């Protein structure tokens, strides 16, 4: 979706507020695609800073359907996007003043809101998604969800530094 910033960029001191409906139904980070379960409208405040420059601020709430990194259950991850605070300028002004900010969001005097939201979601994604803080994950041997109970598999992991001693005992074992 494109928003025309001509009025704000050409009028010094002008501020404009808009509420934009987010049209995205999914988000892709290049590796995975996440469904957008819930989204609030994007509240934008666009202010002229100087000739041809505008500050764009916005807030939105998006809920993505993601998988827990330990047990693989589906989790609704809430992202509160307190966003933007970035300065934009149309291409011809940026080239003449050697200020090439985030020009990927500007198409002439229009702001591409969808690209801007995509970028903010990418920056807001958590490093690890957990269904709960103390998630136990899945068993490495049988794949059972350990949050539902123990599986009974042998979880003993021998110390690799002791492997040489174990080999000595096994070699000298009587049959």
Protein backbone atom coordinates (compact mmCIF):
# COMPACT_ATOMS: atom_id res chain seq x y z
CA UNK A 1 0.00 0.00 0.00
CA UNK A 2 1.30 3.44 -0.94
CA UNK A 3 0.66 6.65 1.01
CA UNK A 4 1.16 9.97 -0.74
CA UNK A 5 3.49 12.25 1.28
CA UNK A 6 3.48 15.21 -1.14
CA UNK A 7 1.53 17.52 1.22
CA UNK A 8 3.76 16.79 4.21
CA UNK A 9 7.05 16.93 2.27
CA UNK A 10 6.24 20.28 0.63
CA UNK A 11 4.77 22.10 3.67
CA UNK A 12 7.21 22.95 6.44
CA UNK A 13 6.01 22.11 9.94
CA UNK A 14 3.02 20.12 8.70
CA UNK A 15 1.96 17.00 10.62
CA UNK A 16 -0.52 14.45 9.37
CA UNK A 17 -2.01 11.47 11.20
CA UNK A 18 -3.46 8.45 9.41
CA UNK A 19 -4.78 5.04 10.31
CA UNK A 20 -3.81 2.41 7.75
CA UNK A 21 -5.37 -1.04 7.53
CA UNK A 22 -2.66 -3.72 7.30
CA UNK A 23 -3.51 -5.90 4.32
CA UNK A 24 -0.85 -8.58 4.89
CA UNK A 25 -2.11 -12.09 5.75
CA UNK A 26 1.31 -13.71 6.18
CA UNK A 27 4.93 -12.77 6.73
CA UNK A 28 7.98 -14.41 5.18
CA UNK A 29 11.49 -13.91 6.54
CA UNK A 30 13.11 -15.68 3.60
CA UNK A 31 13.30 -19.04 5.38
CA UNK A 32 9.82 -19.57 6.81
CA UNK A 33 6.35 -18.20 6.26
CA UNK A 34 4.25 -17.22 9.27
CA UNK A 35 0.50 -16.68 9.24
CA UNK A 36 -0.75 -13.39 10.69
CA UNK A 37 -3.50 -14.39 13.12
CA UNK A 38 -4.40 -10.95 14.43
CA UNK A 39 -3.48 -7.40 13.47
CA UNK A 40 -4.44 -3.92 14.52
CA UNK A 41 -4.58 -0.95 12.17
CA UNK A 42 -1.31 0.95 11.82
CA UNK A 43 -1.47 4.41 13.43
CA UNK A 44 0.88 6.69 11.50
CA UNK A 45 2.10 10.16 12.34
CA UNK A 46 3.98 11.87 9.52
CA UNK A 47 5.76 15.15 10.32
CA UNK A 48 7.74 17.49 8.10
CA UNK A 49 11.25 18.07 9.45
CA UNK A 50 12.62 20.32 6.74
CA UNK A 51 12.21 20.77 3.03
CA UNK A 52 11.71 17.32 1.52
CA UNK A 53 12.22 15.37 4.76
CA UNK A 54 9.60 13.71 6.92
CA UNK A 55 9.65 11.75 10.15
CA UNK A 56 7.35 8.76 10.11
CA UNK A 57 6.23 7.21 13.41
CA UNK A 58 3.77 4.41 13.89
CA UNK A 59 2.35 1.76 16.19
CA UNK A 60 0.70 -1.55 15.45
CA UNK A 61 0.14 -4.94 17.02
CA UNK A 62 0.59 -8.13 15.02
CA UNK A 63 0.19 -11.73 16.20
CA UNK A 64 2.10 -14.38 14.23
CA UNK A 65 1.50 -18.14 14.34
CA UNK A 66 4.96 -19.63 15.03
CA UNK A 67 6.38 -22.92 16.33
CA UNK A 68 8.08 -23.37 19.71
CA UNK A 69 11.81 -23.90 19.17
CA UNK A 70 11.95 -26.73 21.74
CA UNK A 71 8.73 -28.77 21.43
CA UNK A 72 7.44 -27.58 18.02
CA UNK A 73 3.93 -26.69 19.31
CA UNK A 74 2.18 -23.79 17.60
CA UNK A 75 2.47 -20.53 19.53
CA UNK A 76 0.82 -17.15 18.99
CA UNK A 77 3.71 -14.66 19.17
CA UNK A 78 2.60 -11.06 19.85
CA UNK A 79 4.71 -8.35 18.23
CA UNK A 80 4.08 -4.80 19.40
CA UNK A 81 5.55 -2.71 16.64
CA UNK A 82 6.53 0.64 18.10
CA UNK A 83 8.00 1.66 14.84
CA UNK A 84 9.50 3.86 12.29
CA UNK A 85 10.99 7.06 13.64
CA UNK A 86 12.85 7.10 10.37
CA UNK A 87 13.51 10.00 8.06
CA UNK A 88 12.47 9.76 4.43
CA UNK A 89 13.02 11.96 1.44
CA UNK A 90 11.99 11.58 -2.21
CA UNK A 91 14.62 10.22 -4.59
CA UNK A 92 15.53 13.49 -6.32
CA UNK A 93 16.06 15.37 -3.04
CA UNK A 94 18.10 12.54 -1.52
CA UNK A 95 20.35 12.36 -4.58
CA UNK A 96 20.94 16.13 -4.65
CA UNK A 97 21.86 16.26 -0.95
CA UNK A 98 23.69 12.91 -0.82
CA UNK A 99 21.27 11.69 1.85
CA UNK A 100 20.13 8.24 0.87
CA UNK A 101 18.26 7.07 3.96
CA UNK A 102 15.89 4.17 3.68
CA UNK A 103 15.00 4.84 0.06
CA UNK A 104 13.64 1.34 -0.41
CA UNK A 105 10.44 2.56 1.27
CA UNK A 106 9.99 5.60 -0.96
CA UNK A 107 8.62 5.55 -4.48
CA UNK A 108 8.83 9.16 -5.55
CA UNK A 109 6.69 11.06 -3.05
CA UNK A 110 4.88 7.91 -1.89
CA UNK A 111 5.67 5.76 1.13
CA UNK A 112 5.40 1.98 0.67
CA UNK A 113 3.81 0.97 3.98
CA UNK A 114 3.88 -2.79 3.37
CA UNK A 115 7.66 -2.84 2.88
CA UNK A 116 8.07 -0.72 6.00
CA UNK A 117 5.93 -3.12 8.08
CA UNK A 118 7.82 -6.13 6.65
CA UNK A 119 11.11 -4.62 7.78
CA UNK A 120 9.80 -3.83 11.26
CA UNK A 121 8.40 -7.34 11.74
CA UNK A 122 11.74 -8.81 10.67
CA UNK A 123 13.56 -6.65 13.23
CA UNK A 124 11.02 -7.50 15.96
CA UNK A 125 11.09 -11.29 15.56
CA UNK A 126 12.32 -12.98 18.73
CA UNK A 127 15.57 -14.95 18.67
CA UNK A 128 13.85 -17.94 20.31
CA UNK A 129 10.15 -18.70 20.40
CA UNK A 130 9.04 -20.72 23.43
CA UNK A 131 5.55 -21.96 24.30
CA UNK A 132 6.42 -21.39 27.97
CA UNK A 133 9.52 -20.31 29.83
CA UNK A 134 10.28 -23.80 31.20
CA UNK A 135 9.50 -25.80 28.03
CA UNK A 136 11.31 -29.16 28.21
CA UNK A 137 11.29 -29.85 24.47
CA UNK A 138 11.12 -33.27 22.85
CA UNK A 139 13.02 -36.50 23.55
CA UNK A 140 16.08 -36.91 21.32
CA UNK A 141 15.45 -40.63 20.92
CA UNK A 142 11.69 -41.18 20.59
CA UNK A 143 10.40 -37.64 19.88
CA UNK A 144 7.84 -37.52 22.72
CA UNK A 145 6.89 -34.10 24.06
CA UNK A 146 8.59 -34.00 27.49
CA UNK A 147 6.13 -31.34 28.73
CA UNK A 148 3.45 -34.08 28.80
CA UNK A 149 5.59 -36.45 30.88
CA UNK A 150 8.73 -38.57 30.81
CA UNK A 151 9.16 -41.10 28.01
CA UNK A 152 11.38 -43.64 29.74
CA UNK A 153 14.26 -43.45 27.25
CA UNK A 154 17.84 -43.75 28.50
CA UNK A 155 19.15 -40.17 28.63
CA UNK A 156 22.60 -41.03 30.03
CA UNK A 157 25.33 -39.36 27.97
CA UNK A 158 28.82 -40.68 28.81
CA UNK A 159 31.71 -38.28 29.21
CA UNK A 160 33.74 -38.51 25.94
CA UNK A 161 36.97 -37.93 27.89
CA UNK A 162 36.46 -41.27 29.62
CA UNK A 163 36.07 -43.25 26.37
CA UNK A 164 39.75 -44.31 26.38
CA UNK A 165 39.47 -45.79 29.88
CA UNK A 166 36.27 -47.59 28.90
CA UNK A 167 38.10 -49.11 25.91
CA UNK A 168 40.89 -50.38 28.23
CA UNK A 169 38.38 -52.07 30.53
CA UNK A 170 36.51 -53.61 27.59
CA UNK A 171 39.79 -54.97 26.10
CA UNK A 172 40.80 -56.65 29.38
CA UNK A 173 37.34 -58.10 30.07
CA UNK A 174 37.23 -61.87 30.51
CA UNK A 175 34.74 -63.81 28.48
